[in-house]
PDB file of N, CA and C in Angstrom:
ATOM      1  N   UNK A   1      15.323  10.437  11.908  1.00  0.00           N
ATOM      2  CA  UNK A   1      14.194  10.390  10.514  1.00  0.00           C
ATOM      3  C   UNK A   1      13.240   9.370  11.267  1.00  0.00           C
ATOM      4  N   UNK A   2      12.051  10.317  10.960  1.00  0.00           N
ATOM      5  CA  UNK A   2      10.609  10.147  11.184  1.00  0.00           C
ATOM      6  C   UNK A   2      10.344   9.119   9.977  1.00  0.00           C
ATOM      7  N   UNK A   3       9.398   8.384  10.965  1.00  0.00           N
ATOM      8  CA  UNK A   3       8.717   7.484   9.900  1.00  0.00           C
ATOM      9  C   UNK A   3       7.142   7.331  10.319  1.00  0.00           C
ATOM     10  N   UNK A   4       6.393   7.447   9.390  1.00  0.00           N
ATOM     11  CA  UNK A   4       5.308   7.369   9.369  1.00  0.00           C
ATOM     12  C   UNK A   4       3.954   6.016   8.845  1.00  0.00           C
ATOM     13  N   UNK A   5       3.501   5.597   9.791  1.00  0.00           N
ATOM     14  CA  UNK A   5       2.688   4.273   9.319  1.00  0.00           C
ATOM     15  C   UNK A   5       1.084   4.789   8.793  1.00  0.00           C
ATOM     16  N   UNK A   6       0.757   4.254   8.098  1.00  0.00           N
ATOM     17  CA  UNK A   6      -0.713   4.157   7.525  1.00  0.00           C
ATOM     18  C   UNK A   6      -0.974   2.738   6.948  1.00  0.00           C
ATOM     19  N   UNK A   7      -2.547   2.361   7.186  1.00  0.00           N
ATOM     20  CA  UNK A   7      -3.089   1.497   7.207  1.00  0.00           C
ATOM     21  C   UNK A   7      -4.611   1.821   5.817  1.00  0.00           C
ATOM     22  N   UNK A   8      -4.838   0.529   4.946  1.00  0.00           N
ATOM     23  CA  UNK A   8      -5.463   0.736   4.337  1.00  0.00           C
ATOM     24  C   UNK A   8      -6.184  -0.415   4.081  1.00  0.00           C
ATOM     25  N   UNK A   9      -7.425  -0.502   3.635  1.00  0.00           N
ATOM     26  CA  UNK A   9      -8.335  -1.564   3.540  1.00  0.00           C
ATOM     27  C   UNK A   9      -8.103  -1.680   1.682  1.00  0.00           C
ATOM     28  N   UNK A  10      -7.663  -2.849   1.593  1.00  0.00           N
ATOM     29  CA  UNK A  10      -7.734  -2.890  -0.015  1.00  0.00           C
ATOM     30  C   UNK A  10      -8.470  -4.115  -0.608  1.00  0.00           C
ATOM     31  N   UNK A  11      -8.553  -4.353  -1.773  1.00  0.00           N
ATOM     32  CA  UNK A  11      -9.368  -5.587  -2.411  1.00  0.00           C
ATOM     33  C   UNK A  11      -7.991  -6.071  -3.183  1.00  0.00           C
ATOM     34  N   UNK A  12      -6.768  -6.133  -2.318  1.00  0.00           N
ATOM     35  CA  UNK A  12      -5.823  -7.260  -3.619  1.00  0.00           C
ATOM     36  C   UNK A  12      -6.114  -8.740  -2.507  1.00  0.00           C
ATOM     37  N   UNK A  13      -6.215  -9.693  -3.684  1.00  0.00           N
ATOM     38  CA  UNK A  13      -7.117 -10.847  -3.359  1.00  0.00           C
ATOM     39  C   UNK A  13      -6.090 -11.763  -2.685  1.00  0.00           C
ATOM     40  N   UNK A  14      -4.789 -11.803  -3.381  1.00  0.00           N
ATOM     41  CA  UNK A  14      -3.832 -12.779  -3.964  1.00  0.00           C
ATOM     42  C   UNK A  14      -2.412 -12.677  -4.216  1.00  0.00           C
ATOM     43  N   UNK A  15      -1.417 -13.306  -4.167  1.00  0.00           N
ATOM     44  CA  UNK A  15      -0.036 -13.018  -4.579  1.00  0.00           C
ATOM     45  C   UNK A  15       0.094 -12.281  -5.642  1.00  0.00           C
ATOM     46  N   UNK A  16      -0.565 -12.635  -6.677  1.00  0.00           N
ATOM     47  CA  UNK A  16      -0.410 -12.301  -8.122  1.00  0.00           C
ATOM     48  C   UNK A  16      -0.400 -10.974  -7.809  1.00  0.00           C
ATOM     49  N   UNK A  17      -2.035 -10.212  -6.958  1.00  0.00           N
ATOM     50  CA  UNK A  17      -2.061  -8.999  -7.114  1.00  0.00           C
ATOM     51  C   UNK A  17      -0.934  -7.893  -6.498  1.00  0.00           C
ATOM     52  N   UNK A  18      -0.714  -8.469  -5.052  1.00  0.00           N
ATOM     53  CA  UNK A  18       0.403  -8.066  -4.745  1.00  0.00           C
ATOM     54  C   UNK A  18       1.661  -7.558  -5.595  1.00  0.00           C
ATOM     55  N   UNK A  19       1.845  -8.837  -6.256  1.00  0.00           N
ATOM     56  CA  UNK A  19       3.189  -8.592  -7.197  1.00  0.00           C
ATOM     57  C   UNK A  19       3.028  -7.628  -8.422  1.00  0.00           C
ATOM     58  N   UNK A  20       1.469  -7.656  -8.804  1.00  0.00           N
ATOM     59  CA  UNK A  20       1.097  -6.292  -9.434  1.00  0.00           C
ATOM     60  C   UNK A  20       1.344  -4.962  -9.058  1.00  0.00           C
ATOM     61  N   UNK A  21       1.502  -4.835  -7.424  1.00  0.00           N
ATOM     62  CA  UNK A  21       1.383  -3.813  -7.035  1.00  0.00           C
ATOM     63  C   UNK A  21       2.779  -3.112  -6.691  1.00  0.00           C
ATOM     64  N   UNK A  22       3.913  -4.200  -6.085  1.00  0.00           N
ATOM     65  CA  UNK A  22       5.119  -4.079  -5.739  1.00  0.00           C
ATOM     66  C   UNK A  22       5.751  -3.100  -6.631  1.00  0.00           C
ATOM     67  N   UNK A  23       5.934  -3.054  -8.011  1.00  0.00           N
ATOM     68  CA  UNK A  23       6.663  -2.119  -8.366  1.00  0.00           C
ATOM     69  C   UNK A  23       6.069  -0.857  -7.996  1.00  0.00           C
ATOM     70  N   UNK A  24       5.166  -0.373  -8.299  1.00  0.00           N
ATOM     71  CA  UNK A  24       4.422   0.852  -7.948  1.00  0.00           C
ATOM     72  C   UNK A  24       4.835   0.791  -6.227  1.00  0.00           C
ATOM     73  N   UNK A  25       4.606   0.537  -5.133  1.00  0.00           N
ATOM     74  CA  UNK A  25       4.999   0.429  -4.131  1.00  0.00           C
ATOM     75  C   UNK A  25       6.660   0.647  -3.757  1.00  0.00           C
ATOM     76  N   UNK A  26       7.680  -0.259  -4.307  1.00  0.00           N
ATOM     77  CA  UNK A  26       8.700  -0.022  -4.298  1.00  0.00           C
ATOM     78  C   UNK A  26       9.397   1.297  -4.914  1.00  0.00           C
ATOM     79  N   UNK A  27       8.921   1.875  -6.736  1.00  0.00           N
ATOM     80  CA  UNK A  27       9.265   2.920  -6.553  1.00  0.00           C
ATOM     81  C   UNK A  27       9.238   4.040  -6.177  1.00  0.00           C
ATOM     82  N   UNK A  28       8.158   4.098  -4.938  1.00  0.00           N
ATOM     83  CA  UNK A  28       7.940   5.606  -4.404  1.00  0.00           C
ATOM     84  C   UNK A  28       9.051   6.224  -3.319  1.00  0.00           C
ATOM     85  N   UNK A  29       9.846   6.867  -3.603  1.00  0.00           N
ATOM     86  CA  UNK A  29      11.143   7.673  -3.048  1.00  0.00           C
ATOM     87  C   UNK A  29      10.496   7.752  -1.661  1.00  0.00           C
ATOM     88  N   UNK A  30       9.458   7.774  -1.103  1.00  0.00           N
ATOM     89  CA  UNK A  30       9.378   8.117   0.748  1.00  0.00           C
ATOM     90  C   UNK A  30       8.818   6.885   0.815  1.00  0.00           C
ATOM     91  N   UNK A  31       8.662   5.544   0.487  1.00  0.00           N
ATOM     92  CA  UNK A  31       8.544   4.546   1.131  1.00  0.00           C
ATOM     93  C   UNK A  31      10.188   3.581   1.917  1.00  0.00           C
ATOM     94  N   UNK A  32       9.369   3.841   2.881  1.00  0.00           N
ATOM     95  CA  UNK A  32      10.458   2.838   3.933  1.00  0.00           C
ATOM     96  C   UNK A  32      10.413   1.201   3.690  1.00  0.00           C
ATOM     97  N   UNK A  33       9.150   0.803   4.074  1.00  0.00           N
ATOM     98  CA  UNK A  33       8.250  -0.531   4.182  1.00  0.00           C
ATOM     99  C   UNK A  33       6.907  -0.565   4.037  1.00  0.00           C
ATOM    100  N   UNK A  34       6.567  -2.064   3.337  1.00  0.00           N
ATOM    101  CA  UNK A  34       5.179  -1.974   3.285  1.00  0.00           C
ATOM    102  C   UNK A  34       4.700  -3.305   3.275  1.00  0.00           C
ATOM    103  N   UNK A  35       3.674  -3.997   3.422  1.00  0.00           N
ATOM    104  CA  UNK A  35       3.132  -5.584   3.803  1.00  0.00           C
ATOM    105  C   UNK A  35       1.487  -5.537   3.465  1.00  0.00           C
ATOM    106  N   UNK A  36       1.124  -6.440   3.400  1.00  0.00           N
ATOM    107  CA  UNK A  36      -0.202  -6.779   2.680  1.00  0.00           C
ATOM    108  C   UNK A  36      -0.692  -8.086   3.269  1.00  0.00           C
ATOM    109  N   UNK A  37      -1.549  -7.927   4.816  1.00  0.00           N
ATOM    110  CA  UNK A  37      -2.325  -9.184   5.179  1.00  0.00           C
ATOM    111  C   UNK A  37      -3.497  -9.659   4.161  1.00  0.00           C
ATOM    112  N   UNK A  38      -2.974 -10.868   3.489  1.00  0.00           N
ATOM    113  CA  UNK A  38      -4.079 -11.454   2.733  1.00  0.00           C
ATOM    114  C   UNK A  38      -5.002 -12.072   3.856  1.00  0.00           C
ATOM    115  N   UNK A  39      -4.750 -12.746   4.999  1.00  0.00           N
ATOM    116  CA  UNK A  39      -5.187 -13.728   5.655  1.00  0.00           C
ATOM    117  C   UNK A  39      -6.828 -12.858   6.322  1.00  0.00           C
ATOM    118  N   UNK A  40      -6.872 -11.623   6.248  1.00  0.00           N
ATOM    119  CA  UNK A  40      -7.726 -10.753   6.772  1.00  0.00           C
ATOM    120  C   UNK A  40      -8.990 -10.427   5.888  1.00  0.00           C
ATOM    121  N   UNK A  41     -10.369 -10.038   6.033  1.00  0.00           N
ATOM    122  CA  UNK A  41     -10.896 -10.019   5.070  1.00  0.00           C
ATOM    123  C   UNK A  41     -10.991  -8.767   4.553  1.00  0.00           C
ATOM    124  N   UNK A  42     -10.106  -7.699   5.298  1.00  0.00           N
ATOM    125  CA  UNK A  42     -10.339  -6.347   4.575  1.00  0.00           C
ATOM    126  C   UNK A  42      -8.989  -6.328   3.824  1.00  0.00           C
ATOM    127  N   UNK A  43      -8.400  -7.532   3.632  1.00  0.00           N
ATOM    128  CA  UNK A  43      -6.575  -7.250   2.906  1.00  0.00           C
ATOM    129  C   UNK A  43      -5.723  -6.015   3.321  1.00  0.00           C
ATOM    130  N   UNK A  44      -5.856  -5.909   4.269  1.00  0.00           N
ATOM    131  CA  UNK A  44      -4.800  -4.606   4.820  1.00  0.00           C
ATOM    132  C   UNK A  44      -3.446  -4.192   4.592  1.00  0.00           C
ATOM    133  N   UNK A  45      -3.229  -3.227   3.786  1.00  0.00           N
ATOM    134  CA  UNK A  45      -2.056  -2.573   3.792  1.00  0.00           C
ATOM    135  C   UNK A  45      -1.735  -1.733   4.343  1.00  0.00           C
ATOM    136  N   UNK A  46      -0.188  -2.216   4.757  1.00  0.00           N
ATOM    137  CA  UNK A  46       0.188  -1.126   5.648  1.00  0.00           C
ATOM    138  C   UNK A  46       1.608  -0.784   5.088  1.00  0.00           C
ATOM    139  N   UNK A  47       1.928   0.546   5.608  1.00  0.00           N
ATOM    140  CA  UNK A  47       3.094   1.287   4.627  1.00  0.00           C
ATOM    141  C   UNK A  47       3.540   1.984   5.739  1.00  0.00           C
ATOM    142  N   UNK A  48       5.100   2.113   5.636  1.00  0.00           N
ATOM    143  CA  UNK A  48       5.573   3.233   6.234  1.00  0.00           C
ATOM    144  C   UNK A  48       6.267   3.967   5.398  1.00  0.00           C
ATOM    145  N   UNK A  49       5.977   5.508   5.618  1.00  0.00           N
ATOM    146  CA  UNK A  49       6.759   6.397   4.931  1.00  0.00           C
ATOM    147  C   UNK A  49       7.685   7.023   5.735  1.00  0.00           C
ATOM    148  N   UNK A  50       8.362   7.824   4.710  1.00  0.00           N
ATOM    149  CA  UNK A  50       9.699   9.027   5.350  1.00  0.00           C
ATOM    150  C   UNK A  50       8.810   9.993   5.689  1.00  0.00           C
ATOM    151  N   UNK A  51       7.525  10.218   4.775  1.00  0.00           N
ATOM    152  CA  UNK A  51       6.617  11.505   4.758  1.00  0.00           C
ATOM    153  C   UNK A  51       5.154  11.333   5.368  1.00  0.00           C
ATOM    154  N   UNK A  52       4.527  12.371   5.551  1.00  0.00           N
ATOM    155  CA  UNK A  52       3.213  12.402   6.513  1.00  0.00           C
ATOM    156  C   UNK A  52       2.005  12.351   5.077  1.00  0.00           C
ATOM    157  N   UNK A  53       2.346  12.010   3.943  1.00  0.00           N
ATOM    158  CA  UNK A  53       1.375  12.172   3.243  1.00  0.00           C
ATOM    159  C   UNK A  53       1.593  10.661   2.292  1.00  0.00           C
ATOM    160  N   UNK A  54       0.094   9.884   2.159  1.00  0.00           N
ATOM    161  CA  UNK A  54       0.515   9.071   1.276  1.00  0.00           C
ATOM    162  C   UNK A  54      -0.940   8.595   0.402  1.00  0.00           C
ATOM    163  N   UNK A  55      -0.659  10.277  -0.611  1.00  0.00           N
ATOM    164  CA  UNK A  55      -1.366   9.741  -1.283  1.00  0.00           C
ATOM    165  C   UNK A  55      -1.019   9.356  -2.757  1.00  0.00           C
ATOM    166  N   UNK A  56       0.410   9.524  -2.642  1.00  0.00           N
ATOM    167  CA  UNK A  56       1.174   8.685  -3.618  1.00  0.00           C
ATOM    168  C   UNK A  56       0.696   7.173  -3.837  1.00  0.00           C
ATOM    169  N   UNK A  57       0.524   6.586  -2.396  1.00  0.00           N
ATOM    170  CA  UNK A  57       0.358   5.032  -2.273  1.00  0.00           C
ATOM    171  C   UNK A  57      -1.467   4.878  -2.421  1.00  0.00           C
ATOM    172  N   UNK A  58      -1.969   5.714  -2.776  1.00  0.00           N
ATOM    173  CA  UNK A  58      -3.271   5.697  -3.033  1.00  0.00           C
ATOM    174  C   UNK A  58      -3.196   5.597  -4.538  1.00  0.00           C
ATOM    175  N   UNK A  59      -2.743   6.732  -4.994  1.00  0.00           N
ATOM    176  CA  UNK A  59      -3.025   6.751  -6.359  1.00  0.00           C
ATOM    177  C   UNK A  59      -2.090   5.858  -7.081  1.00  0.00           C
ATOM    178  N   UNK A  60      -1.131   5.580  -6.644  1.00  0.00           N
ATOM    179  CA  UNK A  60      -0.381   3.893  -7.241  1.00  0.00           C
ATOM    180  C   UNK A  60      -1.163   3.113  -7.223  1.00  0.00           C
ATOM    181  N   UNK A  61      -2.232   2.666  -5.893  1.00  0.00           N
ATOM    182  CA  UNK A  61      -2.708   1.414  -6.210  1.00  0.00           C
ATOM    183  C   UNK A  61      -4.176   1.694  -7.158  1.00  0.00           C
ATOM    184  N   UNK A  62      -4.690   2.463  -7.091  1.00  0.00           N
ATOM    185  CA  UNK A  62      -5.977   2.880  -7.883  1.00  0.00           C
ATOM    186  C   UNK A  62      -5.326   2.664  -9.418  1.00  0.00           C
ATOM    187  N   UNK A  63      -4.335   3.515  -9.724  1.00  0.00           N
ATOM    188  CA  UNK A  63      -4.138   3.330 -10.895  1.00  0.00           C
ATOM    189  C   UNK A  63      -3.722   1.900 -11.372  1.00  0.00           C
ATOM    190  N   UNK A  64      -3.274   1.115 -10.790  1.00  0.00           N
ATOM    191  CA  UNK A  64      -3.123  -0.476 -10.721  1.00  0.00           C
ATOM    192  C   UNK A  64      -4.375  -1.340 -10.960  1.00  0.00           C
ATOM    193  N   UNK A  65      -5.318  -0.455 -10.884  1.00  0.00           N
ATOM    194  CA  UNK A  65      -7.177  -0.986 -10.982  1.00  0.00           C
ATOM    195  C   UNK A  65      -7.527  -1.159  -9.425  1.00  0.00           C
ATOM    196  N   UNK A  66      -7.349  -1.229  -8.590  1.00  0.00           N
ATOM    197  CA  UNK A  66      -7.340  -2.097  -7.203  1.00  0.00           C
ATOM    198  C   UNK A  66      -7.786  -0.680  -6.191  1.00  0.00           C
ATOM    199  N   UNK A  67      -8.627  -1.349  -5.460  1.00  0.00           N
ATOM    200  CA  UNK A  67      -9.630   0.021  -4.531  1.00  0.00           C
ATOM    201  C   UNK A  67      -8.556  -0.263  -3.177  1.00  0.00           C
ATOM    202  N   UNK A  68      -8.473   1.064  -3.004  1.00  0.00           N
ATOM    203  CA  UNK A  68      -7.878   1.349  -1.568  1.00  0.00           C
ATOM    204  C   UNK A  68      -8.680   2.475  -0.753  1.00  0.00           C
ATOM    205  N   UNK A  69      -8.297   1.986   0.440  1.00  0.00           N
ATOM    206  CA  UNK A  69      -9.088   2.895   1.401  1.00  0.00           C
ATOM    207  C   UNK A  69      -8.419   3.157   2.547  1.00  0.00           C
ATOM    208  N   UNK A  70      -8.138   4.859   2.905  1.00  0.00           N
ATOM    209  CA  UNK A  70      -7.710   4.691   4.326  1.00  0.00           C
ATOM    210  C   UNK A  70      -8.539   4.450   5.490  1.00  0.00           C
ATOM    211  N   UNK A  71      -7.948   3.419   6.296  1.00  0.00           N
ATOM    212  CA  UNK A  71      -8.367   3.187   7.416  1.00  0.00           C
ATOM    213  C   UNK A  71      -8.313   4.086   8.774  1.00  0.00           C
TER     214      UNK A  71
END
């Protein structure tokens, strides 16, 4: 089974922000794994998906009121 990795610049600032988006990301059927690097200035979100389409990730993060841009 294939796995597709995508990286995004976000404005997730802290663990509470990550906790807010966790249910959205965890509910995506195509999600295999994800993580956020809060130590970098770009707050990089890395996702591993079962499909080569990341639109649901972007839509879900934006619905929660956060900024997300594909790198």
